[in-house]
Amino acid sequence: MSECCPPSRSGPVTEASRGTNPGTTHATDGLITVPGGTFRMGTEDADGFPDDREGPIREVTVAPFAIDPFCVTNARFAQFVDATGYRTEAEKFGWTYVFARFVPAALRKRSPRPEQTPWWCAVGGAYWRAPEGPGSDVEARQDHPVVHVSWNDAVAYCAWAGVRLPTEAEWEYAARGGLDQKRYPWGDELTPDGEHRCNIWQGRFPVRNTEDDGYAGTAPVDAFRPNGFGLYNTSGNVWEWTADWFDPSRTNRAMRGGSYLCHDSYCNRYRVAARTGNTPDSSSGNLGFRVAADVSR
C-alpha cells in the first residue's frame, strides 16, 4: 500500500503517541463522451512501482463511454444523501482516516494511528460532512471533491444516479487525454515553465508542505487546467475509486490518480499510469471518485 494512501480499514492501528458548475450539477448532468479507441496502457517507467503491476505496456481497446470531467463534489453527494438518507461506511464504523496535521491537537492525541503510517489518524466522528472530525464542516468546500467515501459508498451513489464507476482502462484512457505514454495528463514535465498543473505535496513530507500549488488539502474539482479530453484533476487532489479489482486475490479495489499528499520523494503515484488499491470498505480524507456511463453506439 502506498504511503499517501491510508491502510485499509481492517489494518492495525495503535494509540497515538468550467462548463457546468461543478458544485451544483445534478449527478447525471455534464458527462462528456470519450471516443473509443486503442491506446497503450500501463508503464515501464523506471520510477514506477512494479509491485503495483503498472506494467507491462500493452495495447487496450475501449468502447466509447461517458465520464464526468469532475470528481463528485460535496454538493452533489449531499443531494444523494438528502434524497436517500444514505449513511456512509465511515458513519457506520464511527471513524475514518484523517491526515494528522489537519486534526486538532486534543483530538489528535486520542486518535489511534497505524504504526507504518503514523501521519494518519483514525478519527472518531469524522465523515464526509465533518472531514476533519467533530466541529469541522464542508460549507466552504461545496465544490471540492467529497472524501471519506468507501468503494461501497461510491457504488451506492452510482446506483442512485444511474451511472457507474469507470473501469481502470476507461479511467486511464480518459486521464491521458489523447496523449501516448506521457507521465502526466499534460506531458512529461511536472511543472512546465514553472506552472503547477495539479494539487500534490510540495516540501518535505509529512512535516512541511509549502503549498506552492495553492492548496494544503483538497482543491475545487475544477482547479487547474483540464486535459485534452476535458477532464480535471486526474493527477493529484484525491484518489479515485474505479470499478476493477486491484489485485488477483480480489481483496482491494483499484484506485487511480494520486492525491494532495503524494510527493516524488516517496509516492509519485500521481503519474497517469500509477495505481494502488484498498479494501472496499476503506475511506480517508484524500479518497473520492468520479462517475462514468455507457453511451449508445
Protein backbone atom coordinates (compact mmCIF):
# COMPACT_ATOMS: atom_id res chain seq x y z
CA MET A 1 0.00 0.00 0.00
CA SER A 2 1.33 3.46 -0.83
CA GLU A 3 2.24 5.84 1.95
CA CYS A 4 -0.04 8.61 0.69
CA CYS A 5 -2.99 6.26 0.80
CA PRO A 6 -4.07 5.13 4.27
CA PRO A 7 -4.03 1.47 5.25
CA SER A 8 -7.20 -0.50 4.87
CA ARG A 9 -9.91 -0.19 7.48
CA SER A 10 -9.03 -3.69 8.64
CA GLY A 11 -5.37 -2.75 9.16
CA PRO A 12 -3.92 -2.50 12.68
CA VAL A 13 -3.86 0.84 14.47
CA THR A 14 -2.21 1.79 17.73
CA GLU A 15 -2.86 4.57 20.16
CA ALA A 16 -1.21 7.77 19.01
CA SER A 17 1.91 8.93 20.73
CA ARG A 18 -15.53 25.00 -16.11
CA GLY A 19 -18.54 24.33 -18.41
CA THR A 20 -21.21 23.46 -15.90
CA ASN A 21 -20.98 24.48 -12.28
CA PRO A 22 -19.22 21.52 -10.65
CA GLY A 23 -20.62 22.33 -7.24
CA THR A 24 -24.31 22.07 -8.06
CA THR A 25 -24.64 19.95 -11.20
CA HIS A 26 -27.11 17.07 -10.96
CA ALA A 27 -25.46 13.67 -10.76
CA THR A 28 -26.04 12.73 -14.41
CA ASP A 29 -25.54 16.13 -15.99
CA GLY A 30 -22.35 17.24 -17.65
CA LEU A 31 -20.77 13.91 -18.54
CA ILE A 32 -18.59 14.12 -21.63
CA THR A 33 -18.40 11.43 -24.29
CA VAL A 34 -14.96 9.99 -24.88
CA PRO A 35 -14.50 8.30 -28.25
CA GLY A 36 -13.47 4.69 -28.13
CA GLY A 37 -10.08 3.63 -29.34
CA THR A 38 -6.93 1.64 -28.76
CA PHE A 39 -4.20 3.05 -26.54
CA ARG A 40 -1.03 1.92 -24.83
CA MET A 41 -2.00 1.31 -21.22
CA GLY A 42 0.42 1.00 -18.31
CA THR A 43 4.04 1.96 -17.99
CA GLU A 44 7.53 0.60 -17.57
CA ASP A 45 8.75 3.85 -16.03
CA ALA A 46 11.95 3.41 -14.03
CA ASP A 47 10.34 5.44 -11.24
CA GLY A 48 7.26 3.25 -11.18
CA PHE A 49 6.26 0.52 -8.76
CA PRO A 50 6.45 -2.96 -10.32
CA ASP A 51 4.65 -4.49 -7.33
CA ASP A 52 1.63 -2.35 -8.24
CA ARG A 53 1.51 -4.09 -11.65
CA GLU A 54 1.74 -0.80 -13.53
CA GLY A 55 3.19 -2.69 -16.49
CA PRO A 56 3.80 -4.11 -18.89
CA ILE A 57 2.78 -1.59 -21.50
CA ARG A 58 0.03 -3.22 -23.54
CA GLU A 59 -2.48 -2.20 -26.19
CA VAL A 60 -6.01 -1.95 -24.83
CA THR A 61 -9.17 -1.09 -26.74
CA VAL A 62 -12.08 0.70 -25.08
CA ALA A 63 -15.53 1.34 -26.48
CA PRO A 64 -16.97 4.87 -26.44
CA PHE A 65 -18.13 5.88 -22.97
CA ALA A 66 -19.14 8.95 -21.00
CA ILE A 67 -17.23 10.23 -17.98
CA ASP A 68 -17.54 13.13 -15.60
CA PRO A 69 -14.96 15.86 -16.15
CA PHE A 70 -15.05 16.40 -12.38
CA CYS A 71 -14.94 14.28 -9.27
CA VAL A 72 -18.22 14.12 -7.37
CA THR A 73 -18.40 17.17 -5.13
CA ASN A 74 -19.65 17.64 -1.59
CA ALA A 75 -22.68 19.45 -3.01
CA ARG A 76 -23.58 16.59 -5.33
CA PHE A 77 -23.04 13.93 -2.70
CA ALA A 78 -25.30 15.93 -0.39
CA GLN A 79 -28.07 15.68 -2.99
CA PHE A 80 -27.75 11.90 -2.86
CA VAL A 81 -27.75 11.76 0.93
CA ASP A 82 -30.64 14.20 1.25
CA ALA A 83 -32.69 12.21 -1.27
CA THR A 84 -32.00 8.77 0.19
CA GLY A 85 -30.93 9.15 3.80
CA TYR A 86 -27.81 7.13 2.99
CA ARG A 87 -25.21 6.69 5.73
CA THR A 88 -21.64 6.18 4.63
CA GLU A 89 -19.48 3.42 5.99
CA ALA A 90 -17.39 5.99 7.86
CA GLU A 91 -20.56 6.90 9.75
CA LYS A 92 -21.48 3.27 10.39
CA PHE A 93 -18.00 2.35 11.61
CA GLY A 94 -17.82 5.58 13.60
CA TRP A 95 -14.39 6.67 12.32
CA THR A 96 -12.26 7.26 9.24
CA TYR A 97 -8.68 8.25 8.44
CA VAL A 98 -7.68 11.94 8.56
CA PHE A 99 -4.23 13.37 7.83
CA ALA A 100 -2.74 14.16 11.25
CA ARG A 101 -1.83 17.80 10.64
CA PHE A 102 -5.49 18.56 9.89
CA VAL A 103 -6.68 17.16 13.23
CA PRO A 104 -6.91 19.48 16.29
CA ALA A 105 -4.25 18.68 18.88
CA ALA A 106 -6.59 17.33 21.57
CA LEU A 107 -8.37 15.06 19.10
CA ARG A 108 -5.08 14.00 17.53
CA LYS A 109 -3.78 12.82 20.92
CA ARG A 110 -6.60 10.38 21.42
CA SER A 111 -6.90 9.15 17.83
CA PRO A 112 -5.26 5.79 17.03
CA ARG A 113 -2.65 5.70 14.27
CA PRO A 114 -1.32 2.92 12.02
CA GLU A 115 2.23 2.01 13.02
CA GLN A 116 3.56 2.08 9.45
CA THR A 117 1.89 5.39 8.51
CA PRO A 118 1.59 7.46 11.70
CA TRP A 119 0.62 10.60 9.78
CA TRP A 120 -2.87 9.10 9.54
CA CYS A 121 -5.27 9.36 12.48
CA ALA A 122 -8.33 7.15 12.88
CA VAL A 123 -10.65 9.96 13.92
CA GLY A 124 -13.91 9.16 15.64
CA GLY A 125 -16.83 11.17 14.28
CA ALA A 126 -15.10 12.14 11.06
CA TYR A 127 -17.09 11.55 7.87
CA TRP A 128 -17.79 13.35 4.61
CA ARG A 129 -19.70 16.26 6.19
CA ALA A 130 -17.11 16.61 9.00
CA PRO A 131 -13.91 15.71 7.13
CA GLU A 132 -11.50 16.65 9.94
CA GLY A 133 -13.71 15.32 12.72
CA PRO A 134 -16.32 16.88 15.05
CA GLY A 135 -16.54 20.63 14.62
CA SER A 136 -15.39 20.66 11.00
CA ASP A 137 -17.68 21.07 8.01
CA VAL A 138 -17.74 21.45 4.23
CA GLU A 139 -19.74 24.67 3.99
CA ALA A 140 -16.87 26.46 2.25
CA ARG A 141 -15.97 23.35 0.23
CA GLN A 142 -19.13 22.63 -1.71
CA ASP A 143 -17.16 22.50 -4.97
CA HIS A 144 -14.41 20.30 -3.52
CA PRO A 145 -14.43 16.54 -4.06
CA VAL A 146 -16.34 14.57 -1.48
CA VAL A 147 -13.97 12.47 0.63
CA HIS A 148 -14.30 9.76 3.27
CA VAL A 149 -16.34 7.67 0.84
CA SER A 150 -15.63 3.97 0.51
CA TRP A 151 -15.90 2.00 -2.71
CA ASN A 152 -19.21 0.66 -1.45
CA ASP A 153 -20.42 4.22 -0.82
CA ALA A 154 -19.39 5.26 -4.33
CA VAL A 155 -21.27 2.32 -5.84
CA ALA A 156 -24.38 3.25 -3.84
CA TYR A 157 -24.18 6.80 -5.19
CA CYS A 158 -23.82 5.46 -8.72
CA ALA A 159 -26.89 3.24 -8.35
CA TRP A 160 -28.94 6.25 -7.26
CA ALA A 161 -27.60 8.47 -10.03
CA GLY A 162 -27.92 5.94 -12.85
CA VAL A 163 -24.20 5.92 -13.55
CA ARG A 164 -21.25 3.68 -12.68
CA LEU A 165 -17.60 3.79 -11.75
CA PRO A 166 -15.17 3.81 -14.68
CA THR A 167 -13.07 0.75 -15.35
CA GLU A 168 -9.33 1.17 -14.92
CA ALA A 169 -8.85 1.09 -18.68
CA GLU A 170 -11.50 3.77 -19.19
CA TRP A 171 -10.05 5.88 -16.42
CA GLU A 172 -6.51 5.78 -17.79
CA TYR A 173 -7.64 6.30 -21.39
CA ALA A 174 -9.63 9.37 -20.36
CA ALA A 175 -6.94 10.64 -17.99
CA ARG A 176 -4.33 10.55 -20.75
CA GLY A 177 -6.44 13.00 -22.74
CA GLY A 178 -5.30 11.61 -26.08
CA LEU A 179 -1.57 11.63 -25.28
CA ASP A 180 0.52 8.49 -25.76
CA GLN A 181 2.63 7.22 -22.87
CA LYS A 182 3.15 10.61 -21.23
CA ARG A 183 3.79 10.69 -17.49
CA TYR A 184 1.05 13.21 -16.75
CA PRO A 185 -2.20 14.25 -18.42
CA TRP A 186 -0.38 17.25 -19.92
CA GLY A 187 3.00 15.72 -20.83
CA ASP A 188 6.23 14.52 -19.26
CA GLU A 189 7.25 17.60 -17.26
CA LEU A 190 5.62 18.03 -13.85
CA THR A 191 5.68 21.85 -13.79
CA PRO A 192 6.15 23.12 -17.35
CA ASP A 193 7.53 26.67 -17.32
CA GLY A 194 7.19 26.57 -13.52
CA GLU A 195 3.39 26.21 -13.66
CA HIS A 196 1.69 23.86 -11.22
CA ARG A 197 -0.77 21.64 -13.06
CA CYS A 198 -2.00 19.54 -10.14
CA ASN A 199 -2.55 19.50 -6.39
CA ILE A 200 0.20 17.44 -4.74
CA TRP A 201 2.58 17.86 -1.79
CA GLN A 202 5.44 20.35 -2.02
CA GLY A 203 8.14 20.43 0.61
CA ARG A 204 9.20 17.62 2.95
CA PHE A 205 6.59 15.02 3.68
CA PRO A 206 4.99 14.74 6.19
CA VAL A 207 6.33 17.68 8.19
CA ARG A 208 6.24 20.66 5.82
CA ASN A 209 4.05 21.49 2.88
CA THR A 210 4.97 24.77 1.19
CA GLU A 211 1.62 24.75 -0.63
CA ASP A 212 3.23 26.21 -3.74
CA ASP A 213 0.31 24.90 -5.78
CA GLY A 214 -2.09 26.89 -3.58
CA TYR A 215 -3.60 24.08 -1.53
CA ALA A 216 -2.84 22.19 1.68
CA GLY A 217 -5.76 19.78 1.36
CA THR A 218 -8.35 19.31 -1.36
CA ALA A 219 -8.81 21.83 -4.14
CA PRO A 220 -12.02 22.66 -6.05
CA VAL A 221 -12.76 19.99 -8.62
CA ASP A 222 -12.23 22.47 -11.48
CA ALA A 223 -8.88 23.73 -10.21
CA PHE A 224 -6.04 23.76 -12.73
CA ARG A 225 -6.50 23.29 -16.45
CA PRO A 226 -8.28 20.26 -17.98
CA ASN A 227 -6.60 17.64 -20.14
CA GLY A 228 -7.17 17.05 -23.84
CA PHE A 229 -10.49 15.30 -23.24
CA GLY A 230 -11.73 17.98 -20.83
CA LEU A 231 -11.13 16.09 -17.55
CA TYR A 232 -9.93 17.95 -14.48
CA ASN A 233 -7.58 16.76 -11.74
CA THR A 234 -6.78 13.26 -12.93
CA SER A 235 -3.40 13.80 -11.29
CA GLY A 236 -3.43 14.72 -7.61
CA ASN A 237 -6.20 16.23 -5.47
CA VAL A 238 -7.89 12.95 -4.46
CA TRP A 239 -7.51 9.29 -5.23
CA GLU A 240 -10.41 7.99 -7.32
CA TRP A 241 -12.11 4.62 -6.98
CA THR A 242 -12.54 2.54 -10.13
CA ALA A 243 -14.74 -0.45 -10.88
CA ASP A 244 -11.93 -3.01 -11.01
CA TRP A 245 -10.07 -5.13 -8.51
CA PHE A 246 -6.51 -4.06 -7.77
CA ASP A 247 -5.06 -7.48 -7.03
CA PRO A 248 -5.63 -11.06 -8.23
CA SER A 249 -6.81 -12.02 -4.75
CA ARG A 250 -9.73 -9.61 -5.11
CA THR A 251 -9.06 -8.08 -1.73
CA ASN A 252 -8.60 -4.45 -2.80
CA ARG A 253 -10.36 -2.25 -5.32
CA ALA A 254 -8.20 -0.21 -7.68
CA MET A 255 -7.69 3.50 -7.10
CA ARG A 256 -6.18 5.98 -9.53
CA GLY A 257 -4.75 9.48 -9.78
CA GLY A 258 -2.85 10.11 -6.55
CA SER A 259 -3.76 12.86 -4.09
CA TYR A 260 -2.73 16.09 -2.42
CA LEU A 261 -0.45 14.01 -0.16
CA CYS A 262 1.64 12.49 -2.96
CA HIS A 263 5.26 13.62 -3.34
CA ASP A 264 8.07 12.48 -5.62
CA SER A 265 10.26 11.57 -2.64
CA TYR A 266 8.06 8.68 -1.52
CA CYS A 267 4.88 8.29 -3.58
CA ASN A 268 4.88 9.60 -7.12
CA ARG A 269 1.62 7.87 -7.91
CA TYR A 270 0.16 11.00 -9.45
CA ARG A 271 1.61 9.65 -12.71
CA VAL A 272 -1.23 8.77 -15.05
CA ALA A 273 -0.32 5.05 -15.23
CA ALA A 274 0.16 4.64 -11.48
CA ARG A 275 -2.29 2.65 -9.40
CA THR A 276 -2.90 1.39 -5.91
CA GLY A 277 -5.74 -0.27 -4.05
CA ASN A 278 -7.66 -0.51 -0.83
CA THR A 279 -10.41 -2.61 0.68
CA PRO A 280 -13.93 -1.69 -0.49
CA ASP A 281 -14.95 -0.50 2.99
CA SER A 282 -11.95 1.81 3.49
CA SER A 283 -12.17 5.60 3.47
CA SER A 284 -9.94 8.58 4.08
CA GLY A 285 -9.64 12.32 3.68
CA ASN A 286 -7.91 12.00 0.30
CA LEU A 287 -10.15 9.48 -1.42
CA GLY A 288 -13.09 10.29 -3.69
CA PHE A 289 -14.48 9.24 -7.07
CA ARG A 290 -15.81 10.32 -10.45
CA VAL A 291 -18.53 8.60 -12.42
CA ALA A 292 -18.93 7.15 -15.90
CA ALA A 293 -21.72 5.79 -18.07
CA ASP A 294 -22.26 3.73 -21.19
CA VAL A 295 -23.21 5.52 -24.40
CA SER A 296 -25.38 4.42 -27.30
CA ARG A 297 -23.46 3.18 -30.30
